[in-house]
């Protein structure tokens, strides 16, 4: 695959991850979702992972770090909320 095609794929990946973050935050703020809802955590988890891959492709290591940390925090939220529900 040509380098330009890879760039486009990873750019789209990053934009989709950013969109997931924005949707999650908007739906949290307008009280459609709660901070402990599974869907909120999943949007943050996948948004973080997608932005991580996009940032790594661009060699933007600080952005990659913050996004993988965001994904791990979301995963912790899923785990922690499931423990509390039991």
N, C-alpha and C. Protein backbone atom coordinates (compact mmCIF):
# COMPACT_ATOMS: atom_id res chain seq x y z
N UNK A 1 0.85 -1.18 0.00
CA UNK A 1 0.00 0.00 0.00
C UNK A 1 0.89 1.24 0.00
N UNK A 2 0.48 2.24 -0.68
CA UNK A 2 1.24 3.48 -0.80
C UNK A 2 1.21 4.27 0.51
N UNK A 3 2.29 5.01 0.78
CA UNK A 3 2.42 5.79 2.01
C UNK A 3 1.25 6.76 2.21
N UNK A 4 0.78 7.37 1.13
CA UNK A 4 -0.35 8.31 1.22
C UNK A 4 -1.61 7.60 1.69
N UNK A 5 -1.80 6.36 1.27
CA UNK A 5 -2.97 5.59 1.69
C UNK A 5 -2.90 5.30 3.19
N UNK A 6 -1.72 4.93 3.68
CA UNK A 6 -1.56 4.71 5.13
C UNK A 6 -1.86 5.99 5.91
N UNK A 7 -1.33 7.10 5.43
CA UNK A 7 -1.57 8.39 6.10
C UNK A 7 -3.07 8.67 6.19
N UNK A 8 -3.78 8.44 5.09
CA UNK A 8 -5.22 8.68 5.06
C UNK A 8 -5.94 7.76 6.05
N UNK A 9 -5.56 6.50 6.07
CA UNK A 9 -6.20 5.54 7.00
C UNK A 9 -5.99 5.97 8.45
N UNK A 10 -4.76 6.34 8.79
CA UNK A 10 -4.49 6.72 10.18
C UNK A 10 -5.09 8.08 10.53
N UNK A 11 -5.21 8.98 9.56
CA UNK A 11 -5.91 10.25 9.80
C UNK A 11 -7.38 10.01 10.07
N UNK A 12 -8.01 9.17 9.27
CA UNK A 12 -9.43 8.84 9.48
C UNK A 12 -9.61 8.16 10.83
N UNK A 13 -8.68 7.27 11.17
CA UNK A 13 -8.72 6.60 12.48
C UNK A 13 -8.69 7.63 13.60
N UNK A 14 -7.79 8.60 13.50
CA UNK A 14 -7.69 9.64 14.52
C UNK A 14 -8.94 10.50 14.60
N UNK A 15 -9.47 10.89 13.45
CA UNK A 15 -10.69 11.70 13.45
C UNK A 15 -11.86 10.94 14.06
N UNK A 16 -11.96 9.65 13.78
CA UNK A 16 -13.04 8.85 14.36
C UNK A 16 -12.88 8.74 15.87
N UNK A 17 -11.65 8.55 16.34
CA UNK A 17 -11.40 8.52 17.78
C UNK A 17 -11.77 9.84 18.44
N UNK A 18 -11.41 10.96 17.81
CA UNK A 18 -11.76 12.27 18.35
C UNK A 18 -13.28 12.44 18.39
N UNK A 19 -13.96 11.96 17.37
CA UNK A 19 -15.42 12.04 17.33
C UNK A 19 -16.04 11.23 18.47
N UNK A 20 -15.48 10.06 18.76
CA UNK A 20 -15.98 9.25 19.87
C UNK A 20 -15.83 10.01 21.19
N UNK A 21 -14.68 10.67 21.40
CA UNK A 21 -14.49 11.46 22.62
C UNK A 21 -15.53 12.58 22.72
N UNK A 22 -15.74 13.29 21.63
CA UNK A 22 -16.67 14.41 21.65
C UNK A 22 -18.11 13.97 21.89
N UNK A 23 -18.51 12.88 21.25
CA UNK A 23 -19.86 12.36 21.46
C UNK A 23 -20.04 11.93 22.91
N UNK A 24 -19.05 11.21 23.45
CA UNK A 24 -19.13 10.75 24.84
C UNK A 24 -19.26 11.93 25.79
N UNK A 25 -18.45 12.95 25.58
CA UNK A 25 -18.47 14.11 26.47
C UNK A 25 -19.78 14.87 26.35
N UNK A 26 -20.25 15.07 25.13
CA UNK A 26 -21.52 15.76 24.93
C UNK A 26 -22.67 15.02 25.61
N UNK A 27 -22.76 13.72 25.39
CA UNK A 27 -23.85 12.95 25.98
C UNK A 27 -23.74 12.86 27.50
N UNK A 28 -22.54 12.96 28.04
CA UNK A 28 -22.36 13.04 29.49
C UNK A 28 -22.87 14.39 30.01
N UNK A 29 -22.48 15.47 29.34
CA UNK A 29 -22.84 16.82 29.79
C UNK A 29 -24.34 17.06 29.71
N UNK A 30 -24.99 16.54 28.66
CA UNK A 30 -26.44 16.77 28.54
C UNK A 30 -27.24 15.68 29.27
N UNK A 31 -26.52 14.88 30.04
CA UNK A 31 -27.09 13.89 30.95
C UNK A 31 -27.87 12.77 30.26
N UNK A 32 -27.44 12.43 29.04
CA UNK A 32 -27.98 11.25 28.37
C UNK A 32 -27.28 10.01 28.92
N UNK A 33 -25.97 10.14 29.13
CA UNK A 33 -25.17 9.07 29.71
C UNK A 33 -24.66 9.50 31.08
N UNK A 34 -24.38 8.53 31.93
CA UNK A 34 -23.75 8.82 33.21
C UNK A 34 -22.26 8.46 33.12
N UNK A 35 -21.50 9.00 34.04
CA UNK A 35 -20.05 8.74 34.04
C UNK A 35 -19.73 7.29 34.34
N UNK A 36 -20.69 6.55 34.85
CA UNK A 36 -20.44 5.14 35.15
C UNK A 36 -21.10 4.20 34.15
N UNK A 37 -21.66 4.75 33.07
CA UNK A 37 -22.32 3.88 32.09
C UNK A 37 -21.28 3.17 31.22
N UNK A 38 -21.59 1.94 30.88
CA UNK A 38 -20.68 1.14 30.07
C UNK A 38 -20.42 1.80 28.72
N UNK A 39 -21.44 2.33 28.08
CA UNK A 39 -21.27 2.93 26.76
C UNK A 39 -20.35 4.14 26.81
N UNK A 40 -20.43 4.93 27.88
CA UNK A 40 -19.54 6.07 28.06
C UNK A 40 -18.09 5.60 28.13
N UNK A 41 -17.85 4.57 28.93
CA UNK A 41 -16.50 4.02 29.05
C UNK A 41 -16.01 3.42 27.74
N UNK A 42 -16.88 2.73 27.02
CA UNK A 42 -16.48 2.12 25.76
C UNK A 42 -16.11 3.17 24.71
N UNK A 43 -16.88 4.27 24.64
CA UNK A 43 -16.54 5.33 23.70
C UNK A 43 -15.18 5.91 24.04
N UNK A 44 -14.90 6.10 25.32
CA UNK A 44 -13.60 6.62 25.74
C UNK A 44 -12.48 5.62 25.49
N UNK A 45 -12.74 4.35 25.73
CA UNK A 45 -11.74 3.31 25.49
C UNK A 45 -11.37 3.26 24.01
N UNK A 46 -12.37 3.15 23.15
CA UNK A 46 -12.08 3.05 21.72
C UNK A 46 -11.58 4.36 21.14
N UNK A 47 -12.08 5.48 21.63
CA UNK A 47 -11.55 6.77 21.20
C UNK A 47 -10.08 6.90 21.54
N UNK A 48 -9.71 6.51 22.75
CA UNK A 48 -8.31 6.56 23.16
C UNK A 48 -7.42 5.65 22.33
N UNK A 49 -7.91 4.44 22.06
CA UNK A 49 -7.12 3.51 21.26
C UNK A 49 -6.93 4.01 19.83
N UNK A 50 -8.00 4.51 19.22
CA UNK A 50 -7.90 5.00 17.85
C UNK A 50 -6.96 6.20 17.75
N UNK A 51 -7.07 7.11 18.71
CA UNK A 51 -6.17 8.26 18.70
C UNK A 51 -4.73 7.85 19.02
N UNK A 52 -4.56 6.83 19.84
CA UNK A 52 -3.22 6.31 20.12
C UNK A 52 -2.56 5.81 18.83
N UNK A 53 -3.29 5.00 18.06
CA UNK A 53 -2.72 4.46 16.82
C UNK A 53 -2.41 5.58 15.83
N UNK A 54 -3.29 6.55 15.74
CA UNK A 54 -3.06 7.67 14.84
C UNK A 54 -1.84 8.48 15.27
N UNK A 55 -1.71 8.74 16.55
CA UNK A 55 -0.57 9.50 17.06
C UNK A 55 0.74 8.74 16.89
N UNK A 56 0.71 7.44 17.11
CA UNK A 56 1.92 6.64 16.92
C UNK A 56 2.36 6.66 15.46
N UNK A 57 1.43 6.60 14.55
CA UNK A 57 1.79 6.66 13.14
C UNK A 57 2.50 7.98 12.81
N UNK A 58 2.02 9.06 13.44
CA UNK A 58 2.61 10.38 13.21
C UNK A 58 3.83 10.65 14.09
N UNK A 59 4.27 9.65 14.88
CA UNK A 59 5.38 9.80 15.82
C UNK A 59 5.15 10.94 16.81
N UNK A 60 3.90 11.11 17.20
CA UNK A 60 3.55 12.12 18.19
C UNK A 60 3.41 11.40 19.54
N UNK A 61 4.56 11.18 20.18
CA UNK A 61 4.58 10.35 21.38
C UNK A 61 3.86 10.94 22.59
N UNK A 62 3.90 12.26 22.82
CA UNK A 62 3.10 12.78 23.93
C UNK A 62 1.60 12.56 23.73
N UNK A 63 1.13 12.77 22.51
CA UNK A 63 -0.29 12.53 22.21
C UNK A 63 -0.62 11.04 22.32
N UNK A 64 0.29 10.20 21.86
CA UNK A 64 0.07 8.75 21.97
C UNK A 64 -0.01 8.35 23.45
N UNK A 65 0.89 8.89 24.26
CA UNK A 65 0.89 8.56 25.70
C UNK A 65 -0.42 8.96 26.36
N UNK A 66 -0.88 10.18 26.13
CA UNK A 66 -2.10 10.64 26.82
C UNK A 66 -3.31 9.84 26.37
N UNK A 67 -3.32 9.43 25.10
CA UNK A 67 -4.47 8.68 24.61
C UNK A 67 -4.47 7.23 25.06
N UNK A 68 -3.32 6.61 25.18
CA UNK A 68 -3.30 5.25 25.70
C UNK A 68 -3.61 5.27 27.20
N UNK A 69 -3.16 6.32 27.89
CA UNK A 69 -3.51 6.46 29.31
C UNK A 69 -5.03 6.63 29.45
N UNK A 70 -5.62 7.43 28.57
CA UNK A 70 -7.08 7.63 28.58
C UNK A 70 -7.80 6.30 28.38
N UNK A 71 -7.30 5.49 27.46
CA UNK A 71 -7.91 4.19 27.20
C UNK A 71 -7.79 3.27 28.41
N UNK A 72 -6.63 3.28 29.07
CA UNK A 72 -6.46 2.46 30.27
C UNK A 72 -7.38 2.93 31.41
N UNK A 73 -7.55 4.23 31.53
CA UNK A 73 -8.47 4.76 32.55
C UNK A 73 -9.89 4.31 32.26
N UNK A 74 -10.29 4.35 31.00
CA UNK A 74 -11.62 3.88 30.62
C UNK A 74 -11.79 2.39 30.92
N UNK A 75 -10.75 1.60 30.62
CA UNK A 75 -10.80 0.17 30.92
C UNK A 75 -10.93 -0.06 32.43
N UNK A 76 -10.19 0.73 33.20
CA UNK A 76 -10.31 0.65 34.66
C UNK A 76 -11.73 1.01 35.09
N UNK A 77 -12.31 2.02 34.47
CA UNK A 77 -13.69 2.40 34.79
C UNK A 77 -14.67 1.27 34.53
N UNK A 78 -14.49 0.57 33.43
CA UNK A 78 -15.36 -0.57 33.11
C UNK A 78 -15.20 -1.64 34.18
N UNK A 79 -13.97 -1.98 34.50
CA UNK A 79 -13.69 -3.00 35.51
C UNK A 79 -14.23 -2.59 36.88
N UNK A 80 -13.95 -1.36 37.29
CA UNK A 80 -14.35 -0.88 38.61
C UNK A 80 -15.88 -0.80 38.73
N UNK A 81 -16.55 -0.29 37.71
CA UNK A 81 -18.00 -0.19 37.75
C UNK A 81 -18.66 -1.57 37.78
N UNK A 82 -18.06 -2.52 37.08
CA UNK A 82 -18.62 -3.90 37.12
C UNK A 82 -18.44 -4.51 38.50
N UNK A 83 -17.33 -4.22 39.18
CA UNK A 83 -17.13 -4.72 40.54
C UNK A 83 -18.16 -4.13 41.50
N UNK A 84 -18.43 -2.83 41.36
CA UNK A 84 -19.39 -2.17 42.25
C UNK A 84 -20.82 -2.67 42.04
N UNK A 85 -21.14 -3.08 40.82
CA UNK A 85 -22.50 -3.55 40.52
C UNK A 85 -22.76 -4.95 41.07
N UNK A 86 -21.69 -5.67 41.39
CA UNK A 86 -21.85 -7.04 41.91
C UNK A 86 -22.13 -7.05 43.37
